[in-house]
Protein backbone atom coordinates (compact mmCIF):
# COMPACT_ATOMS: atom_id res chain seq x y z
CA MET A 1 122.07 151.33 154.00
CA LYS A 2 125.30 151.93 152.09
CA ILE A 3 124.84 154.13 149.03
CA GLY A 4 127.30 154.45 146.04
CA ILE A 5 127.46 157.54 143.80
CA ALA A 6 129.37 158.19 140.50
CA ALA A 7 129.52 160.95 137.91
CA ASP A 8 131.25 161.79 134.74
CA HIS A 9 132.25 165.35 133.96
CA ALA A 10 128.71 166.47 133.03
CA GLY A 11 127.69 165.51 136.45
CA PHE A 12 130.68 166.07 138.62
CA GLU A 13 129.56 169.36 140.24
CA GLN A 14 126.28 167.88 141.22
CA LYS A 15 127.87 164.72 142.62
CA GLU A 16 130.08 166.70 144.82
CA GLN A 17 127.02 168.68 146.21
CA LEU A 18 124.91 165.46 146.60
CA LEU A 19 127.74 163.72 148.44
CA LYS A 20 127.45 166.51 151.02
CA LEU A 21 123.59 166.31 151.16
CA LEU A 22 123.69 162.55 151.62
CA ALA A 23 126.27 162.69 154.39
CA ASP A 24 124.39 165.58 156.11
CA ASN A 25 121.27 163.47 156.00
CA GLY A 26 123.03 160.29 157.74
CA TYR A 27 123.64 158.23 154.65
CA GLN A 28 126.84 156.18 154.50
CA VAL A 29 128.11 157.00 150.96
CA GLU A 30 130.99 155.49 148.86
CA ASP A 31 132.33 157.73 146.09
CA TYR A 32 133.03 155.81 142.88
CA GLY A 33 134.42 158.67 141.01
CA ALA A 34 135.09 160.76 138.98
CA PHE A 35 137.47 162.23 141.87
CA THR A 36 138.51 165.20 139.73
CA TYR A 37 136.85 167.11 136.85
CA ASP A 38 138.09 165.81 133.63
CA ALA A 39 136.17 167.16 130.46
CA THR A 40 137.37 164.06 128.49
CA ASP A 41 136.32 161.36 130.73
CA ASP A 42 133.81 158.73 129.43
CA TYR A 43 130.64 157.73 131.26
CA PRO A 44 131.12 153.88 130.98
CA ASP A 45 134.53 154.06 132.69
CA ILE A 46 132.73 156.09 135.55
CA VAL A 47 129.59 154.22 136.11
CA VAL A 48 131.02 150.54 135.73
CA PRO A 49 132.76 150.52 139.15
CA LEU A 50 129.69 151.72 140.85
CA ALA A 51 127.55 149.19 138.98
CA GLU A 52 129.90 146.33 139.90
CA ALA A 53 129.70 147.30 143.48
CA ILE A 54 125.93 147.08 143.25
CA SER A 55 126.09 143.79 141.54
CA ASN A 56 128.59 142.20 144.15
CA GLY A 57 126.66 143.71 147.07
CA GLU A 58 129.15 146.25 148.29
CA VAL A 59 126.48 148.92 148.15
CA SER A 60 122.74 148.65 148.47
CA LYS A 61 121.81 151.42 146.05
CA GLY A 62 123.58 153.59 143.76
CA ILE A 63 123.09 157.04 142.04
CA ALA A 64 124.92 157.87 138.81
CA VAL A 65 124.97 161.30 137.10
CA CYS A 66 126.07 162.14 133.55
CA GLY A 67 124.81 164.86 131.24
CA SER A 68 121.38 163.43 130.31
CA GLY A 69 121.47 160.38 132.65
CA VAL A 70 120.94 158.12 129.47
CA GLY A 71 124.55 157.17 128.96
CA VAL A 72 125.15 155.94 132.55
CA SER A 73 121.79 154.03 132.43
CA VAL A 74 122.66 152.19 129.24
CA ALA A 75 126.21 151.19 130.44
CA ALA A 76 125.10 150.27 133.92
CA ASN A 77 122.38 148.00 132.63
CA LYS A 78 125.03 145.79 130.96
CA ILE A 79 126.27 144.67 134.47
CA PRO A 80 124.44 141.56 135.82
CA GLY A 81 122.34 142.26 138.64
CA VAL A 82 122.00 146.04 138.01
CA ARG A 83 118.46 147.51 137.39
CA ALA A 84 119.29 151.12 136.36
CA ALA A 85 116.92 153.73 135.16
CA LEU A 86 116.88 157.30 134.19
CA VAL A 87 114.38 159.21 136.32
CA THR A 88 113.36 162.83 136.13
CA GLU A 89 110.51 162.99 138.80
CA SER A 90 109.79 161.53 142.17
CA TYR A 91 107.02 159.27 141.39
CA SER A 92 109.14 156.98 139.14
CA ALA A 93 111.99 157.11 141.69
CA HIS A 94 110.08 155.24 144.32
CA GLN A 95 107.82 153.40 142.01
CA GLY A 96 110.91 151.88 140.19
CA VAL A 97 112.15 150.54 143.55
CA GLU A 98 108.77 149.34 144.73
CA HIS A 99 107.62 147.45 141.51
CA ASP A 100 111.01 146.79 139.80
CA ASP A 101 113.60 146.62 142.43
CA MET A 102 115.58 149.34 140.70
CA ASN A 103 118.91 149.63 142.46
CA LEU A 104 120.61 152.41 140.42
CA LEU A 105 119.24 155.78 139.97
CA CYS A 106 120.46 157.67 136.98
CA LEU A 107 120.05 161.45 136.76
CA GLY A 108 120.86 164.15 134.14
CA GLY A 109 123.20 166.70 135.36
CA ARG A 110 122.53 169.07 132.33
CA VAL A 111 118.66 168.30 132.47
CA ILE A 112 117.53 168.75 135.97
CA GLY A 113 118.64 171.07 138.83
CA LEU A 114 119.98 170.06 142.34
CA VAL A 115 116.69 170.65 144.14
CA LEU A 116 114.79 168.29 141.93
CA MET A 117 117.73 165.76 141.99
CA TRP A 118 117.48 165.80 145.85
CA GLU A 119 113.76 165.26 145.85
CA ILE A 120 114.00 162.37 143.57
CA ILE A 121 116.83 160.89 145.57
CA GLN A 122 115.04 161.09 148.62
CA ALA A 123 111.94 159.26 147.07
CA TYR A 124 114.28 156.55 145.78
CA LEU A 125 116.32 155.93 149.00
CA LYS A 126 113.14 155.80 151.14
CA ALA A 127 111.39 153.29 148.90
CA ASN A 128 111.49 149.49 149.35
CA TYR A 129 110.74 146.74 147.04
CA ASP A 130 107.18 145.52 147.40
CA GLY A 131 107.98 141.85 146.74
CA GLY A 132 104.28 140.93 145.94
CA GLU A 133 103.62 138.06 143.67
CA ARG A 134 103.09 140.11 140.52
CA PHE A 135 106.26 142.25 141.10
CA GLN A 136 108.34 139.15 141.77
CA ARG A 137 106.99 137.30 138.79
CA ARG A 138 107.95 140.27 136.49
CA LEU A 139 111.37 140.63 138.27
CA ASP A 140 112.06 136.92 137.68
CA LYS A 141 111.36 137.23 133.98
CA VAL A 142 113.94 140.16 133.79
CA ILE A 143 116.43 138.13 135.66
CA ALA A 144 115.85 135.24 133.50
CA LEU A 145 116.57 137.50 130.43
CA GLU A 146 119.79 138.55 131.90
CA LYS A 147 120.85 135.02 132.42
CA LYS A 148 119.75 134.07 128.89
CA TYR A 149 121.85 136.71 127.34
CA ARG A 150 124.91 136.63 129.60
CA ILE A 151 128.08 135.91 127.80
């Protein structure tokens, strides 16, 4: 499984540490930026390349970090095929994948520490979409909404 990761200035330090943890644990990781710390960068500019990579199948799952995790979540969900969610604990990390086919995990670099981030990421990456009738029915409705409102 190929994982994508991105962060703005408020998550840059954590992203650098997470890249190492992911690689050390055998994950193939693609870094979508930021590649240097820039206190004036904007989260939409950072998360869109990752979200597009998820949308077009370049990566299976993604991880995005900004100050709160809210901004990257809001921006990424504008990209067709992306199901991003801000997560602050491990239950939602695996449940979001199992029930909702979440494919982009959003984290707050100014909200939670690296140890908790890593716990959440492990739960997220180990989870698989259930695909059961009720979950697929709900996902189909989400996809239909996306198509209805696509410009």
